[in-house]
Amino acid sequence: MFRIREATHDDNDALLRLESESPQGTGISLLVDREDYFYRSSLHDRSRVLIAEEKGKLVGIMAFAIKDVLLDGEYTPVAYFYDLRGEATYRRSMKRGLFRLWKACLEEMEAANAAFTYGHVKSDNHDSMRVATKMGARIGATFDILTLPSLPGTAGEFDDHLGDLEAEIERLDRGIGRRTMRPSDFGDAYRRGAKLGYLRGIYRIERGGSSAQVSQWDLSTIYRCRVVHMPLSLRALRLVLNPLAQALPVPQIPKVGQQVTYAQLFDPICEGREGGTLLKTLIQQLRRKARAEGTDILTLFVYQDDPLLPGLPHFVPQRVMHYHTMVRPCRSEELPMRPLFLDIRDV
């Protein structure tokens, strides 16, 4: 017997087990270690997690949140799709019950009068791109994730600017302006992040008439990534690089079973002729700060056409991943006008 129902906290262990069957990444495979599947749901006021069961066995999850965002100058409801996964025998297609689960979610999104549903898919994840396309989604925009190892060295002094958070939110508000996909509760993510300790600071460098700033988030108290597979070539390279990483700006390669901690950088704003140079300097300082705090990796999230960033800063070594924002129209066939705003709660 097949049925669809809303997930409850009693399903937490089963949801985490299903998630554990889907490690992320190529080459190095990572698995998310966390105790609460529903932490992402708690970031949104109107979230839903629907599950599919067949003969009492969990075979699929789809989770989404309804949020009001800025579209064509007005706040409009849209649906953010943040989890879609199936049990191994269901995973490669939308056949059988998973298509019924998608239809159930879509009916709820349309009932909420969502203009469209959207989610983020890694550009080289061909299976997920195929499923998204089959659902009727199209590429709305593309963002980059700049991934950098933390660095040894002296971090220096930092002002986290959290003592006057409302003034910082107003400053961000002015910089971002009325950008498409900006949520109506923009400041709430920062207020909640500061209250719960996820927002580590809003860091800034100013020089002459130029400045650069970025917010740093740490979710390691909620989840960490654990290495579950590594090719032999990287295992051998680890023996060479890791001793050098104690003194040089080269990446450390984890071993299988090791947990990897991340800090996320969001909402970069560069102003003035030297803004891009100052941002690179600021990120270098934050990499040293991260190493001193026991963080392994820093990631910078930014849309490719972000008007507040003159260009993605370049480091050696670095890794850049590309994600597509996939948009499936509900009330109109039009895609949202770029540039888009990337909400910290969406990643």
C-alpha atoms as a PDB file:
ATOM      1  CA  MET A   1       0.000   0.000   0.000  1.00  0.00           C
ATOM      2  CA  PHE A   2       1.298   3.441  -0.969  1.00  0.00           C
ATOM      3  CA  ARG A   3       0.482   6.596   0.976  1.00  0.00           C
ATOM      4  CA  ILE A   4       1.593  10.213   1.275  1.00  0.00           C
ATOM      5  CA  ARG A   5       1.536  12.062   4.585  1.00  0.00           C
ATOM      6  CA  GLU A   6       3.171  14.953   6.409  1.00  0.00           C
ATOM      7  CA  ALA A   7       6.331  14.036   8.295  1.00  0.00           C
ATOM      8  CA  THR A   8       6.488  14.445  12.069  1.00  0.00           C
ATOM      9  CA  HIS A   9       9.396  14.475  14.495  1.00  0.00           C
ATOM     10  CA  ASP A  10       8.719  10.794  15.111  1.00  0.00           C
ATOM     11  CA  ASP A  11      10.041  10.241  11.567  1.00  0.00           C
ATOM     12  CA  ASN A  12      13.346  11.970  12.302  1.00  0.00           C
ATOM     13  CA  ASP A  13      15.504   8.830  12.512  1.00  0.00           C
ATOM     14  CA  ALA A  14      14.021   7.331   9.345  1.00  0.00           C
ATOM     15  CA  LEU A  15      14.536  10.611   7.466  1.00  0.00           C
ATOM     16  CA  LEU A  16      18.182  10.776   8.573  1.00  0.00           C
ATOM     17  CA  ARG A  17      18.738   7.161   7.505  1.00  0.00           C
ATOM     18  CA  LEU A  18      17.375   7.915   4.043  1.00  0.00           C
ATOM     19  CA  GLU A  19      19.570  11.002   3.841  1.00  0.00           C
ATOM     20  CA  SER A  20      22.612   8.889   4.758  1.00  0.00           C
ATOM     21  CA  GLU A  21      22.072   6.880   1.575  1.00  0.00           C
ATOM     22  CA  SER A  22      22.806   9.980  -0.519  1.00  0.00           C
ATOM     23  CA  PRO A  23      26.423  11.123   0.057  1.00  0.00           C
ATOM     24  CA  GLN A  24      27.399  14.290  -1.794  1.00  0.00           C
ATOM     25  CA  GLY A  25      30.291  15.046  -4.092  1.00  0.00           C
ATOM     26  CA  THR A  26      32.469  13.362  -6.658  1.00  0.00           C
ATOM     27  CA  GLY A  27      35.970  12.162  -5.794  1.00  0.00           C
ATOM     28  CA  ILE A  28      35.632  12.908  -2.090  1.00  0.00           C
ATOM     29  CA  SER A  29      32.146  11.826  -0.959  1.00  0.00           C
ATOM     30  CA  LEU A  30      30.687  13.645   2.036  1.00  0.00           C
ATOM     31  CA  LEU A  31      27.806  12.727   4.292  1.00  0.00           C
ATOM     32  CA  VAL A  32      25.978  15.276   6.426  1.00  0.00           C
ATOM     33  CA  ASP A  33      26.055  14.382  10.131  1.00  0.00           C
ATOM     34  CA  ARG A  34      23.181  15.955  12.065  1.00  0.00           C
ATOM     35  CA  GLU A  35      20.686  14.990  14.708  1.00  0.00           C
ATOM     36  CA  ASP A  36      17.669  16.985  13.540  1.00  0.00           C
ATOM     37  CA  TYR A  37      16.389  16.553  10.004  1.00  0.00           C
ATOM     38  CA  PHE A  38      13.899  19.396  10.535  1.00  0.00           C
ATOM     39  CA  TYR A  39      16.410  22.175  11.269  1.00  0.00           C
ATOM     40  CA  ARG A  40      15.937  23.659   7.779  1.00  0.00           C
ATOM     41  CA  SER A  41      12.184  23.593   8.230  1.00  0.00           C
ATOM     42  CA  SER A  42      12.582  25.604  11.436  1.00  0.00           C
ATOM     43  CA  LEU A  43      14.185  28.450   9.454  1.00  0.00           C
ATOM     44  CA  HIS A  44      10.882  29.145   7.687  1.00  0.00           C
ATOM     45  CA  ASP A  45       7.483  30.010   9.132  1.00  0.00           C
ATOM     46  CA  ARG A  46       5.544  28.107   6.444  1.00  0.00           C
ATOM     47  CA  SER A  47       7.374  24.872   5.721  1.00  0.00           C
ATOM     48  CA  ARG A  48       6.102  21.411   4.805  1.00  0.00           C
ATOM     49  CA  VAL A  49       7.809  18.012   4.689  1.00  0.00           C
ATOM     50  CA  LEU A  50       5.823  15.348   2.847  1.00  0.00           C
ATOM     51  CA  ILE A  51       6.923  11.729   2.752  1.00  0.00           C
ATOM     52  CA  ALA A  52       5.937   8.724   0.658  1.00  0.00           C
ATOM     53  CA  GLU A  53       5.613   5.268   2.197  1.00  0.00           C
ATOM     54  CA  GLU A  54       5.156   1.945   0.467  1.00  0.00           C
ATOM     55  CA  LYS A  55       4.227  -1.072   2.583  1.00  0.00           C
ATOM     56  CA  GLY A  56       5.220   0.904   5.671  1.00  0.00           C
ATOM     57  CA  LYS A  57       8.707   1.765   4.322  1.00  0.00           C
ATOM     58  CA  LEU A  58       9.860   5.343   3.754  1.00  0.00           C
ATOM     59  CA  VAL A  59      10.672   5.677   0.041  1.00  0.00           C
ATOM     60  CA  GLY A  60      10.658   9.420  -0.643  1.00  0.00           C
ATOM     61  CA  ILE A  61      10.900  12.910   0.857  1.00  0.00           C
ATOM     62  CA  MET A  62       9.920  16.271  -0.567  1.00  0.00           C
ATOM     63  CA  ALA A  63      10.203  19.432   1.507  1.00  0.00           C
ATOM     64  CA  PHE A  64       9.318  23.021   0.668  1.00  0.00           C
ATOM     65  CA  ALA A  65       8.568  26.382   2.259  1.00  0.00           C
ATOM     66  CA  ILE A  66       6.229  29.180   1.202  1.00  0.00           C
ATOM     67  CA  LYS A  67       7.876  32.592   1.478  1.00  0.00           C
ATOM     68  CA  ASP A  68       7.042  36.109   0.333  1.00  0.00           C
ATOM     69  CA  VAL A  69       9.702  37.591  -1.945  1.00  0.00           C
ATOM     70  CA  LEU A  70      10.036  40.688  -4.089  1.00  0.00           C
ATOM     71  CA  LEU A  71       8.867  40.181  -7.695  1.00  0.00           C
ATOM     72  CA  ASP A  72       8.301  43.089 -10.062  1.00  0.00           C
ATOM     73  CA  GLY A  73       8.312  45.509  -7.140  1.00  0.00           C
ATOM     74  CA  GLU A  74       5.731  43.667  -5.018  1.00  0.00           C
ATOM     75  CA  TYR A  75       5.993  40.964  -2.374  1.00  0.00           C
ATOM     76  CA  THR A  76       4.567  37.752  -3.772  1.00  0.00           C
ATOM     77  CA  PRO A  77       4.400  34.156  -2.412  1.00  0.00           C
ATOM     78  CA  VAL A  78       6.764  31.618  -3.970  1.00  0.00           C
ATOM     79  CA  ALA A  79       7.677  28.057  -2.965  1.00  0.00           C
ATOM     80  CA  TYR A  80      11.271  27.151  -2.111  1.00  0.00           C
ATOM     81  CA  PHE A  81      11.948  23.438  -2.717  1.00  0.00           C
ATOM     82  CA  TYR A  82      14.782  22.347  -0.413  1.00  0.00           C
ATOM     83  CA  ASP A  83      14.746  18.554  -0.349  1.00  0.00           C
ATOM     84  CA  LEU A  84      13.870  15.856  -2.835  1.00  0.00           C
ATOM     85  CA  ARG A  85      15.256  12.395  -2.391  1.00  0.00           C
ATOM     86  CA  GLY A  86      14.185   8.812  -2.809  1.00  0.00           C
ATOM     87  CA  GLU A  87      15.129   5.412  -1.516  1.00  0.00           C
ATOM     88  CA  ALA A  88      17.788   3.732  -3.687  1.00  0.00           C
ATOM     89  CA  THR A  89      15.375   1.738  -5.855  1.00  0.00           C
ATOM     90  CA  TYR A  90      13.321   4.897  -6.535  1.00  0.00           C
ATOM     91  CA  ARG A  91      16.151   7.375  -6.952  1.00  0.00           C
ATOM     92  CA  ARG A  92      16.826   7.468 -10.679  1.00  0.00           C
ATOM     93  CA  SER A  93      13.421   8.430 -11.930  1.00  0.00           C
ATOM     94  CA  MET A  94      10.140  10.057 -11.090  1.00  0.00           C
ATOM     95  CA  LYS A  95       8.267   6.839 -11.759  1.00  0.00           C
ATOM     96  CA  ARG A  96       5.964   5.038  -9.346  1.00  0.00           C
ATOM     97  CA  GLY A  97       5.143   6.866  -6.139  1.00  0.00           C
ATOM     98  CA  LEU A  98       7.625   9.745  -6.319  1.00  0.00           C
ATOM     99  CA  PHE A  99       5.715  11.386  -9.129  1.00  0.00           C
ATOM    100  CA  ARG A 100       2.562  11.198  -6.985  1.00  0.00           C
ATOM    101  CA  LEU A 101       4.511  12.785  -4.125  1.00  0.00           C
ATOM    102  CA  TRP A 102       5.629  15.628  -6.409  1.00  0.00           C
ATOM    103  CA  LYS A 103       2.045  16.175  -7.563  1.00  0.00           C
ATOM    104  CA  ALA A 104       0.871  16.363  -3.933  1.00  0.00           C
ATOM    105  CA  CYS A 105       3.509  19.017  -3.181  1.00  0.00           C
ATOM    106  CA  LEU A 106       2.666  20.963  -6.321  1.00  0.00           C
ATOM    107  CA  GLU A 107      -1.029  21.038  -5.399  1.00  0.00           C
ATOM    108  CA  GLU A 108      -0.172  22.557  -2.013  1.00  0.00           C
ATOM    109  CA  MET A 109       2.157  25.123  -3.601  1.00  0.00           C
ATOM    110  CA  GLU A 110      -0.485  26.180  -6.077  1.00  0.00           C
ATOM    111  CA  ALA A 111      -3.087  26.334  -3.307  1.00  0.00           C
ATOM    112  CA  ALA A 112      -0.773  28.810  -1.534  1.00  0.00           C
ATOM    113  CA  ASN A 113      -0.907  30.940  -4.732  1.00  0.00           C
ATOM    114  CA  ALA A 114       2.836  30.563  -5.326  1.00  0.00           C
ATOM    115  CA  ALA A 115       4.028  32.362  -8.457  1.00  0.00           C
ATOM    116  CA  PHE A 116       6.610  29.626  -8.972  1.00  0.00           C
ATOM    117  CA  THR A 117       8.606  26.984  -7.141  1.00  0.00           C
ATOM    118  CA  TYR A 118      12.394  27.047  -7.139  1.00  0.00           C
ATOM    119  CA  GLY A 119      15.369  25.108  -5.844  1.00  0.00           C
ATOM    120  CA  HIS A 120      19.139  24.966  -6.295  1.00  0.00           C
ATOM    121  CA  VAL A 121      20.829  22.144  -8.225  1.00  0.00           C
ATOM    122  CA  LYS A 122      24.556  21.588  -8.782  1.00  0.00           C
ATOM    123  CA  SER A 123      25.239  22.175 -12.454  1.00  0.00           C
ATOM    124  CA  ASP A 124      26.999  18.822 -12.983  1.00  0.00           C
ATOM    125  CA  ASN A 125      24.405  16.799 -11.056  1.00  0.00           C
ATOM    126  CA  HIS A 126      22.893  15.424 -14.221  1.00  0.00           C
ATOM    127  CA  ASP A 127      20.381  13.139 -12.489  1.00  0.00           C
ATOM    128  CA  SER A 128      18.903  15.998 -10.456  1.00  0.00           C
ATOM    129  CA  MET A 129      18.941  18.336 -13.451  1.00  0.00           C
ATOM    130  CA  ARG A 130      17.046  15.721 -15.455  1.00  0.00           C
ATOM    131  CA  VAL A 131      14.441  15.324 -12.714  1.00  0.00           C
ATOM    132  CA  ALA A 132      14.051  19.114 -12.347  1.00  0.00           C
ATOM    133  CA  THR A 133      13.617  19.515 -16.087  1.00  0.00           C
ATOM    134  CA  LYS A 134      11.050  16.719 -16.140  1.00  0.00           C
ATOM    135  CA  MET A 135       9.136  18.629 -13.487  1.00  0.00           C
ATOM    136  CA  GLY A 136       8.993  21.612 -15.854  1.00  0.00           C
ATOM    137  CA  ALA A 137      11.744  23.698 -14.240  1.00  0.00           C
ATOM    138  CA  ARG A 138      14.106  25.982 -16.159  1.00  0.00           C
ATOM    139  CA  ILE A 139      17.372  27.693 -15.232  1.00  0.00           C
ATOM    140  CA  GLY A 140      16.547  31.033 -13.655  1.00  0.00           C
ATOM    141  CA  ALA A 141      20.095  32.034 -12.686  1.00  0.00           C
ATOM    142  CA  THR A 142      23.453  30.540 -11.703  1.00  0.00           C
ATOM    143  CA  PHE A 143      25.495  31.137  -8.582  1.00  0.00           C
ATOM    144  CA  ASP A 144      29.046  30.218  -7.642  1.00  0.00           C
ATOM    145  CA  ILE A 145      30.367  28.713  -4.437  1.00  0.00           C
ATOM    146  CA  LEU A 146      34.004  29.659  -3.942  1.00  0.00           C
ATOM    147  CA  THR A 147      35.561  27.027  -1.660  1.00  0.00           C
ATOM    148  CA  LEU A 148      38.778  27.847   0.185  1.00  0.00           C
ATOM    149  CA  PRO A 149      40.821  26.025   2.842  1.00  0.00           C
ATOM    150  CA  SER A 150      41.492  27.872   6.076  1.00  0.00           C
ATOM    151  CA  LEU A 151      44.988  29.285   6.499  1.00  0.00           C
ATOM    152  CA  PRO A 152      47.666  29.227   9.191  1.00  0.00           C
ATOM    153  CA  GLY A 153      48.885  32.527  10.549  1.00  0.00           C
ATOM    154  CA  THR A 154      47.781  35.377  12.771  1.00  0.00           C
ATOM    155  CA  ALA A 155      44.152  36.302  12.285  1.00  0.00           C
ATOM    156  CA  GLY A 156      44.305  39.830  13.677  1.00  0.00           C
ATOM    157  CA  GLU A 157      41.543  41.771  15.402  1.00  0.00           C
ATOM    158  CA  PHE A 158      37.980  41.812  14.060  1.00  0.00           C
ATOM    159  CA  ASP A 159      34.907  43.893  14.774  1.00  0.00           C
ATOM    160  CA  ASP A 160      31.889  41.638  14.275  1.00  0.00           C
ATOM    161  CA  HIS A 161      29.516  44.652  14.240  1.00  0.00           C
ATOM    162  CA  LEU A 162      26.893  42.659  16.143  1.00  0.00           C
ATOM    163  CA  GLY A 163      26.711  45.249  18.905  1.00  0.00           C
ATOM    164  CA  ASP A 164      24.490  47.408  16.679  1.00  0.00           C
ATOM    165  CA  LEU A 165      22.866  44.744  14.516  1.00  0.00           C
ATOM    166  CA  GLU A 166      19.921  46.890  13.436  1.00  0.00           C
ATOM    167  CA  ALA A 167      22.263  49.488  11.959  1.00  0.00           C
ATOM    168  CA  GLU A 168      24.087  46.717  10.082  1.00  0.00           C
ATOM    169  CA  ILE A 169      20.814  45.338   8.749  1.00  0.00           C
ATOM    170  CA  GLU A 170      19.912  48.825   7.516  1.00  0.00           C
ATOM    171  CA  ARG A 171      23.304  49.090   5.802  1.00  0.00           C
ATOM    172  CA  LEU A 172      22.749  45.720   4.085  1.00  0.00           C
ATOM    173  CA  ASP A 173      19.230  46.813   3.205  1.00  0.00           C
ATOM    174  CA  ARG A 174      20.528  49.886   1.395  1.00  0.00           C
ATOM    175  CA  GLY A 175      23.148  47.870  -0.472  1.00  0.00           C
ATOM    176  CA  ILE A 176      20.852  45.087  -1.637  1.00  0.00           C
ATOM    177  CA  GLY A 177      17.944  47.387  -2.409  1.00  0.00           C
ATOM    178  CA  ARG A 178      14.789  46.042  -4.023  1.00  0.00           C
ATOM    179  CA  ARG A 179      16.425  43.101  -5.738  1.00  0.00           C
ATOM    180  CA  THR A 180      14.305  40.285  -7.159  1.00  0.00           C
ATOM    181  CA  MET A 181      13.766  37.390  -4.698  1.00  0.00           C
ATOM    182  CA  ARG A 182      14.605  39.512  -1.674  1.00  0.00           C
ATOM    183  CA  PRO A 183      12.407  38.099   1.160  1.00  0.00           C
ATOM    184  CA  SER A 184       9.943  40.335   2.934  1.00  0.00           C
ATOM    185  CA  ASP A 185      11.487  39.285   6.253  1.00  0.00           C
ATOM    186  CA  PHE A 186      15.067  39.960   5.089  1.00  0.00           C
ATOM    187  CA  GLY A 187      16.309  41.200   8.454  1.00  0.00           C
ATOM    188  CA  ASP A 188      14.821  38.266  10.379  1.00  0.00           C
ATOM    189  CA  ALA A 189      17.475  35.848   9.099  1.00  0.00           C
ATOM    190  CA  TYR A 190      20.179  38.068  10.616  1.00  0.00           C
ATOM    191  CA  ARG A 191      18.305  38.629  13.872  1.00  0.00           C
ATOM    192  CA  ARG A 192      17.596  34.926  14.317  1.00  0.00           C
ATOM    193  CA  GLY A 193      21.138  33.996  13.298  1.00  0.00           C
ATOM    194  CA  ALA A 194      22.615  36.365  15.887  1.00  0.00           C
ATOM    195  CA  LYS A 195      20.256  35.084  18.587  1.00  0.00           C
ATOM    196  CA  LEU A 196      21.062  31.424  17.917  1.00  0.00           C
ATOM    197  CA  GLY A 197      24.794  31.999  17.426  1.00  0.00           C
ATOM    198  CA  TYR A 198      24.896  31.056  13.718  1.00  0.00           C
ATOM    199  CA  LEU A 199      25.821  34.582  12.604  1.00  0.00           C
ATOM    200  CA  ARG A 200      29.447  35.027  13.647  1.00  0.00           C
ATOM    201  CA  GLY A 201      29.806  38.561  12.385  1.00  0.00           C
ATOM    202  CA  ILE A 202      29.461  41.143   9.640  1.00  0.00           C
ATOM    203  CA  TYR A 203      33.065  41.954   8.794  1.00  0.00           C
ATOM    204  CA  ARG A 204      34.235  44.999   6.895  1.00  0.00           C
ATOM    205  CA  ILE A 205      37.389  46.729   5.644  1.00  0.00           C
ATOM    206  CA  GLU A 206      37.352  50.419   4.711  1.00  0.00           C
ATOM    207  CA  ARG A 207      40.136  52.316   3.003  1.00  0.00           C
ATOM    208  CA  GLY A 208      39.785  55.792   1.579  1.00  0.00           C
ATOM    209  CA  GLY A 209      36.559  55.887  -0.393  1.00  0.00           C
ATOM    210  CA  SER A 210      36.382  52.096  -0.833  1.00  0.00           C
ATOM    211  CA  SER A 211      35.062  49.305   1.351  1.00  0.00           C
ATOM    212  CA  ALA A 212      34.265  45.589   1.334  1.00  0.00           C
ATOM    213  CA  GLN A 213      32.160  43.533   3.701  1.00  0.00           C
ATOM    214  CA  VAL A 214      30.765  40.047   4.071  1.00  0.00           C
ATOM    215  CA  SER A 215      28.723  38.197   6.713  1.00  0.00           C
ATOM    216  CA  GLN A 216      30.068  34.961   8.189  1.00  0.00           C
ATOM    217  CA  TRP A 217      27.815  32.105   9.308  1.00  0.00           C
ATOM    218  CA  ASP A 218      28.743  28.963  11.235  1.00  0.00           C
ATOM    219  CA  LEU A 219      26.270  26.061  11.294  1.00  0.00           C
ATOM    220  CA  SER A 220      28.692  23.477  12.712  1.00  0.00           C
ATOM    221  CA  THR A 221      26.583  23.198  15.872  1.00  0.00           C
ATOM    222  CA  ILE A 222      23.740  21.891  13.664  1.00  0.00           C
ATOM    223  CA  TYR A 223      25.603  19.693  11.205  1.00  0.00           C
ATOM    224  CA  ARG A 224      29.038  18.656   9.998  1.00  0.00           C
ATOM    225  CA  CYS A 225      30.171  16.813   6.910  1.00  0.00           C
ATOM    226  CA  ARG A 226      31.914  13.447   7.251  1.00  0.00           C
ATOM    227  CA  VAL A 227      34.166  11.909   4.602  1.00  0.00           C
ATOM    228  CA  VAL A 228      32.837   8.495   3.558  1.00  0.00           C
ATOM    229  CA  HIS A 229      34.916   7.871   0.419  1.00  0.00           C
ATOM    230  CA  MET A 230      38.205   9.092  -1.009  1.00  0.00           C
ATOM    231  CA  PRO A 231      40.062   7.896  -4.120  1.00  0.00           C
ATOM    232  CA  LEU A 232      43.550   6.436  -3.718  1.00  0.00           C
ATOM    233  CA  SER A 233      45.130   9.364  -5.576  1.00  0.00           C
ATOM    234  CA  LEU A 234      43.902  11.816  -2.933  1.00  0.00           C
ATOM    235  CA  ARG A 235      44.922   9.515  -0.114  1.00  0.00           C
ATOM    236  CA  ALA A 236      48.471   9.576  -1.469  1.00  0.00           C
ATOM    237  CA  LEU A 237      48.392  13.348  -1.997  1.00  0.00           C
ATOM    238  CA  ARG A 238      47.258  13.789   1.602  1.00  0.00           C
ATOM    239  CA  LEU A 239      50.602  12.435   2.822  1.00  0.00           C
ATOM    240  CA  VAL A 240      52.367  15.232   0.938  1.00  0.00           C
ATOM    241  CA  LEU A 241      50.048  18.209   1.386  1.00  0.00           C
ATOM    242  CA  ASN A 242      48.932  17.950   4.999  1.00  0.00           C
ATOM    243  CA  PRO A 243      52.384  18.500   6.545  1.00  0.00           C
ATOM    244  CA  LEU A 244      52.875  21.515   4.231  1.00  0.00           C
ATOM    245  CA  ALA A 245      49.459  22.929   5.201  1.00  0.00           C
ATOM    246  CA  GLN A 246      50.727  23.622   8.713  1.00  0.00           C
ATOM    247  CA  ALA A 247      52.745  26.530   7.348  1.00  0.00           C
ATOM    248  CA  LEU A 248      51.752  27.143   3.717  1.00  0.00           C
ATOM    249  CA  PRO A 249      48.448  28.146   2.053  1.00  0.00           C
ATOM    250  CA  VAL A 250      47.710  24.700   0.631  1.00  0.00           C
ATOM    251  CA  PRO A 251      44.593  22.630   1.320  1.00  0.00           C
ATOM    252  CA  GLN A 252      44.473  19.937   3.955  1.00  0.00           C
ATOM    253  CA  ILE A 253      42.979  16.678   2.700  1.00  0.00           C
ATOM    254  CA  PRO A 254      40.823  14.868   5.278  1.00  0.00           C
ATOM    255  CA  LYS A 255      40.876  11.127   5.820  1.00  0.00           C
ATOM    256  CA  VAL A 256      37.906   8.770   5.559  1.00  0.00           C
ATOM    257  CA  GLY A 257      35.750   9.063   8.658  1.00  0.00           C
ATOM    258  CA  GLN A 258      36.961  12.578   9.489  1.00  0.00           C
ATOM    259  CA  GLN A 259      34.466  15.370   9.995  1.00  0.00           C
ATOM    260  CA  VAL A 260      34.927  18.595   8.037  1.00  0.00           C
ATOM    261  CA  THR A 261      33.655  21.920   9.365  1.00  0.00           C
ATOM    262  CA  TYR A 262      32.536  24.807   7.165  1.00  0.00           C
ATOM    263  CA  ALA A 263      31.885  28.524   7.574  1.00  0.00           C
ATOM    264  CA  GLN A 264      29.706  30.291   5.005  1.00  0.00           C
ATOM    265  CA  LEU A 265      30.261  33.808   3.666  1.00  0.00           C
ATOM    266  CA  PHE A 266      27.205  35.655   2.356  1.00  0.00           C
ATOM    267  CA  ASP A 267      26.033  39.034   1.101  1.00  0.00           C
ATOM    268  CA  PRO A 268      29.373  40.438  -0.112  1.00  0.00           C
ATOM    269  CA  ILE A 269      29.254  44.175  -0.783  1.00  0.00           C
ATOM    270  CA  CYS A 270      32.088  45.995  -2.548  1.00  0.00           C
ATOM    271  CA  GLU A 271      32.059  49.774  -2.851  1.00  0.00           C
ATOM    272  CA  GLY A 272      34.546  52.087  -4.499  1.00  0.00           C
ATOM    273  CA  ARG A 273      37.391  51.480  -6.920  1.00  0.00           C
ATOM    274  CA  GLU A 274      39.330  49.247  -4.507  1.00  0.00           C
ATOM    275  CA  GLY A 275      36.312  47.301  -3.234  1.00  0.00           C
ATOM    276  CA  GLY A 276      37.243  44.060  -4.996  1.00  0.00           C
ATOM    277  CA  THR A 277      40.834  44.170  -3.736  1.00  0.00           C
ATOM    278  CA  LEU A 278      39.650  44.868  -0.196  1.00  0.00           C
ATOM    279  CA  LEU A 279      37.253  41.905  -0.349  1.00  0.00           C
ATOM    280  CA  LYS A 280      40.109  39.568  -1.229  1.00  0.00           C
ATOM    281  CA  THR A 281      42.161  40.952   1.677  1.00  0.00           C
ATOM    282  CA  LEU A 282      39.200  40.521   4.024  1.00  0.00           C
ATOM    283  CA  ILE A 283      38.638  36.914   2.960  1.00  0.00           C
ATOM    284  CA  GLN A 284      42.321  36.111   3.495  1.00  0.00           C
ATOM    285  CA  GLN A 285      42.045  37.440   7.049  1.00  0.00           C
ATOM    286  CA  LEU A 286      38.877  35.427   7.657  1.00  0.00           C
ATOM    287  CA  ARG A 287      40.635  32.270   6.434  1.00  0.00           C
ATOM    288  CA  ARG A 288      43.268  32.727   9.156  1.00  0.00           C
ATOM    289  CA  LYS A 289      40.553  33.418  11.698  1.00  0.00           C
ATOM    290  CA  ALA A 290      38.795  30.215  10.612  1.00  0.00           C
ATOM    291  CA  ARG A 291      41.936  28.119  11.156  1.00  0.00           C
ATOM    292  CA  ALA A 292      42.372  29.588  14.632  1.00  0.00           C
ATOM    293  CA  GLU A 293      38.748  28.640  15.441  1.00  0.00           C
ATOM    294  CA  GLY A 294      39.101  25.078  14.147  1.00  0.00           C
ATOM    295  CA  THR A 295      37.165  25.582  10.895  1.00  0.00           C
ATOM    296  CA  ASP A 296      38.440  23.669   7.869  1.00  0.00           C
ATOM    297  CA  ILE A 297      36.728  25.321   4.894  1.00  0.00           C
ATOM    298  CA  LEU A 298      35.298  28.746   3.995  1.00  0.00           C
ATOM    299  CA  THR A 299      32.685  29.022   1.258  1.00  0.00           C
ATOM    300  CA  LEU A 300      31.573  32.240  -0.453  1.00  0.00           C
ATOM    301  CA  PHE A 301      28.129  32.182  -2.102  1.00  0.00           C
ATOM    302  CA  VAL A 302      27.325  34.699  -4.834  1.00  0.00           C
ATOM    303  CA  TYR A 303      25.223  34.921  -7.994  1.00  0.00           C
ATOM    304  CA  GLN A 304      27.315  35.330 -11.144  1.00  0.00           C
ATOM    305  CA  ASP A 305      25.636  38.643 -11.996  1.00  0.00           C
ATOM    306  CA  ASP A 306      25.596  40.087  -8.471  1.00  0.00           C
ATOM    307  CA  PRO A 307      25.828  43.897  -8.949  1.00  0.00           C
ATOM    308  CA  LEU A 308      27.587  44.359  -5.577  1.00  0.00           C
ATOM    309  CA  LEU A 309      30.570  42.174  -6.507  1.00  0.00           C
ATOM    310  CA  PRO A 310      32.825  43.319  -9.377  1.00  0.00           C
ATOM    311  CA  GLY A 311      34.031  39.748  -9.936  1.00  0.00           C
ATOM    312  CA  LEU A 312      34.682  36.549  -8.033  1.00  0.00           C
ATOM    313  CA  PRO A 313      38.009  36.988  -6.194  1.00  0.00           C
ATOM    314  CA  HIS A 314      40.711  34.570  -7.310  1.00  0.00           C
ATOM    315  CA  PHE A 315      42.897  32.557  -4.936  1.00  0.00           C
ATOM    316  CA  VAL A 316      45.448  29.770  -5.327  1.00  0.00           C
ATOM    317  CA  PRO A 317      44.407  27.097  -4.568  1.00  0.00           C
ATOM    318  CA  GLN A 318      40.643  27.352  -4.831  1.00  0.00           C
ATOM    319  CA  ARG A 319      37.634  25.423  -6.046  1.00  0.00           C
ATOM    320  CA  VAL A 320      34.525  26.958  -7.615  1.00  0.00           C
ATOM    321  CA  MET A 321      31.274  25.010  -7.838  1.00  0.00           C
ATOM    322  CA  HIS A 322      28.340  26.177  -9.947  1.00  0.00           C
ATOM    323  CA  TYR A 323      24.691  25.821  -8.975  1.00  0.00           C
ATOM    324  CA  HIS A 324      21.613  26.559 -11.046  1.00  0.00           C
ATOM    325  CA  THR A 325      18.521  28.108  -9.504  1.00  0.00           C
ATOM    326  CA  MET A 326      15.830  26.005 -11.155  1.00  0.00           C
ATOM    327  CA  VAL A 327      12.461  27.729 -11.493  1.00  0.00           C
ATOM    328  CA  ARG A 328       9.196  25.927 -12.236  1.00  0.00           C
ATOM    329  CA  PRO A 329       6.466  28.498 -13.042  1.00  0.00           C
ATOM    330  CA  CYS A 330       3.030  28.038 -11.470  1.00  0.00           C
ATOM    331  CA  ARG A 331       0.967  31.163 -12.248  1.00  0.00           C
ATOM    332  CA  SER A 332       3.013  32.494 -15.156  1.00  0.00           C
ATOM    333  CA  GLU A 333       5.584  31.199 -17.613  1.00  0.00           C
ATOM    334  CA  GLU A 334       7.868  34.176 -16.960  1.00  0.00           C
ATOM    335  CA  LEU A 335      11.110  33.624 -15.059  1.00  0.00           C
ATOM    336  CA  PRO A 336      12.078  36.101 -12.307  1.00  0.00           C
ATOM    337  CA  MET A 337      14.054  39.096 -13.528  1.00  0.00           C
ATOM    338  CA  ARG A 338      17.766  38.993 -12.724  1.00  0.00           C
ATOM    339  CA  PRO A 339      19.802  39.736 -10.697  1.00  0.00           C
ATOM    340  CA  LEU A 340      18.387  37.562  -7.927  1.00  0.00           C
ATOM    341  CA  PHE A 341      18.930  37.724  -4.182  1.00  0.00           C
ATOM    342  CA  LEU A 342      20.392  34.599  -2.544  1.00  0.00           C
ATOM    343  CA  ASP A 343      18.882  33.950   0.883  1.00  0.00           C
ATOM    344  CA  ILE A 344      21.180  32.359   3.495  1.00  0.00           C
ATOM    345  CA  ARG A 345      18.236  30.175   4.555  1.00  0.00           C
ATOM    346  CA  ASP A 346      18.116  28.610   1.089  1.00  0.00           C
ATOM    347  CA  VAL A 347      21.474  26.819   1.251  1.00  0.00           C
END
